[in-house]
Protein backbone atom coordinates (compact mmCIF):
# COMPACT_ATOMS: atom_id res chain seq x y z
CA UNK A 1 57.51 105.65 -114.95
CA UNK A 2 60.97 107.03 -114.15
CA UNK A 3 60.35 107.16 -110.41
CA UNK A 4 58.93 103.63 -110.30
CA UNK A 5 61.95 102.39 -112.24
CA UNK A 6 64.24 104.10 -109.75
CA UNK A 7 62.49 102.51 -106.79
CA UNK A 8 62.61 99.02 -108.33
CA UNK A 9 65.98 99.46 -110.06
CA UNK A 10 68.48 96.66 -110.29
CA UNK A 11 68.33 92.97 -110.85
CA UNK A 12 66.72 91.91 -107.59
CA UNK A 13 64.20 94.39 -106.16
CA UNK A 14 61.34 93.44 -108.49
CA UNK A 15 62.00 89.74 -107.84
CA UNK A 16 61.97 90.32 -104.08
CA UNK A 17 58.71 92.27 -104.30
CA UNK A 18 57.23 89.55 -106.54
CA UNK A 19 58.16 86.89 -103.97
CA UNK A 20 56.40 88.93 -101.29
CA UNK A 21 53.37 89.50 -103.54
CA UNK A 22 53.04 85.75 -103.96
CA UNK A 23 53.60 84.97 -100.26
CA UNK A 24 52.38 87.15 -97.42
CA UNK A 25 55.29 86.70 -95.00
CA UNK A 26 58.72 85.42 -95.89
CA UNK A 27 61.88 84.84 -93.93
CA UNK A 28 65.29 85.88 -95.27
CA UNK A 29 66.09 82.33 -96.41
CA UNK A 30 62.73 82.04 -98.22
CA UNK A 31 63.44 85.23 -100.16
CA UNK A 32 66.96 84.01 -100.96
CA UNK A 33 65.50 80.77 -102.39
CA UNK A 34 63.06 82.81 -104.51
CA UNK A 35 65.92 84.92 -105.90
CA UNK A 36 68.63 82.39 -106.77
CA UNK A 37 71.59 83.13 -107.15
CA UNK A 38 71.47 86.30 -105.00
CA UNK A 39 74.15 86.57 -102.31
CA UNK A 40 73.30 87.20 -98.66
CA UNK A 41 75.07 90.57 -98.79
CA UNK A 42 73.14 91.80 -101.82
CA UNK A 43 69.83 90.46 -100.49
CA UNK A 44 70.39 92.25 -97.20
CA UNK A 45 71.18 95.51 -99.04
CA UNK A 46 68.13 95.23 -101.31
CA UNK A 47 65.83 94.48 -98.35
CA UNK A 48 67.17 97.55 -96.53
CA UNK A 49 66.56 99.67 -99.65
CA UNK A 50 62.98 98.42 -100.00
CA UNK A 51 62.42 98.99 -96.29
CA UNK A 52 63.82 102.50 -96.67
CA UNK A 53 61.35 103.21 -99.48
CA UNK A 54 58.57 102.01 -97.18
CA UNK A 55 57.61 99.12 -99.47
CA UNK A 56 58.36 96.28 -97.05
CA UNK A 57 58.42 95.88 -93.31
CA UNK A 58 60.73 93.76 -91.24
CA UNK A 59 59.58 92.03 -88.08
CA UNK A 60 62.11 90.51 -85.72
CA UNK A 61 61.06 87.90 -83.18
CA UNK A 62 63.04 87.58 -79.92
CA UNK A 63 63.74 83.88 -80.34
CA UNK A 64 66.77 81.63 -80.46
CA UNK A 65 67.69 81.18 -83.26
CA UNK A 66 66.66 84.65 -84.41
CA UNK A 67 63.62 84.84 -86.66
CA UNK A 68 62.93 87.75 -89.00
CA UNK A 69 59.97 88.01 -91.36
CA UNK A 70 59.41 90.41 -94.22
CA UNK A 71 56.12 91.46 -95.77
CA UNK A 72 54.73 94.17 -98.00
CA UNK A 73 53.51 97.35 -96.35
CA UNK A 74 50.28 99.02 -97.45
CA UNK A 75 52.37 101.05 -99.89
CA UNK A 76 54.10 97.88 -101.11
CA UNK A 77 50.72 96.26 -101.67
CA UNK A 78 49.98 98.94 -104.28
CA UNK A 79 52.68 97.27 -106.43
CA UNK A 80 50.59 94.09 -106.74
CA UNK A 81 48.83 95.06 -109.99
CA UNK A 82 52.08 96.33 -111.51
CA UNK A 83 53.94 93.13 -110.67
CA UNK A 84 51.03 90.98 -111.89
CA UNK A 85 50.91 92.90 -115.17
CA UNK A 86 54.67 92.40 -115.64
CA UNK A 87 54.33 88.67 -114.94
CA UNK A 88 51.40 88.35 -117.35
CA UNK A 89 53.27 90.24 -120.07
CA UNK A 90 56.28 87.95 -119.65
CA UNK A 91 54.17 84.81 -119.89
CA UNK A 92 52.30 86.09 -122.93
CA UNK A 93 55.30 87.38 -124.88
CA UNK A 94 58.20 85.17 -123.77
CA UNK A 95 58.36 83.22 -127.01
CA UNK A 96 57.99 86.32 -129.18
CA UNK A 97 60.85 88.28 -127.62
CA UNK A 98 64.12 87.69 -129.45
CA UNK A 99 67.44 87.20 -127.69
CA UNK A 100 69.62 90.33 -127.61
CA UNK A 101 71.87 90.76 -130.65
CA UNK A 102 75.15 88.89 -130.32
CA UNK A 103 73.77 86.75 -127.51
CA UNK A 104 73.26 83.38 -129.14
CA UNK A 105 74.16 81.20 -126.14
CA UNK A 106 71.92 80.51 -123.19
CA UNK A 107 72.97 81.53 -119.69
CA UNK A 108 74.16 78.03 -118.77
CA UNK A 109 76.18 77.77 -121.99
CA UNK A 110 77.89 81.11 -121.26
CA UNK A 111 78.74 80.07 -117.71
CA UNK A 112 80.07 76.74 -118.92
CA UNK A 113 82.36 78.36 -121.50
CA UNK A 114 83.97 80.54 -118.83
CA UNK A 115 85.32 77.59 -116.83
């Protein structure tokens, strides 16, 4: 459990992997749309980390404009049942999970109050 958590740590890695589980090949912009509001810099860093772990592969095409596609490696494919179980758990228990203590506003309400 600890090692898996370390590999998928952070806000975005699991979401990136989930996007690639749901779609075989994705371009950078497709992954960015699946992970709103991730910045290009953070997405690039997270993709490099996942590539470094051997979970995704990056394929560059020699075209103008440049085209790069990402997909899960064989090792990354082994995360499919884990990601599916997490998604199923979230769907099943979403309404039963209480908001964290002291967090009575929704995300949009918090952002609006900071303006």
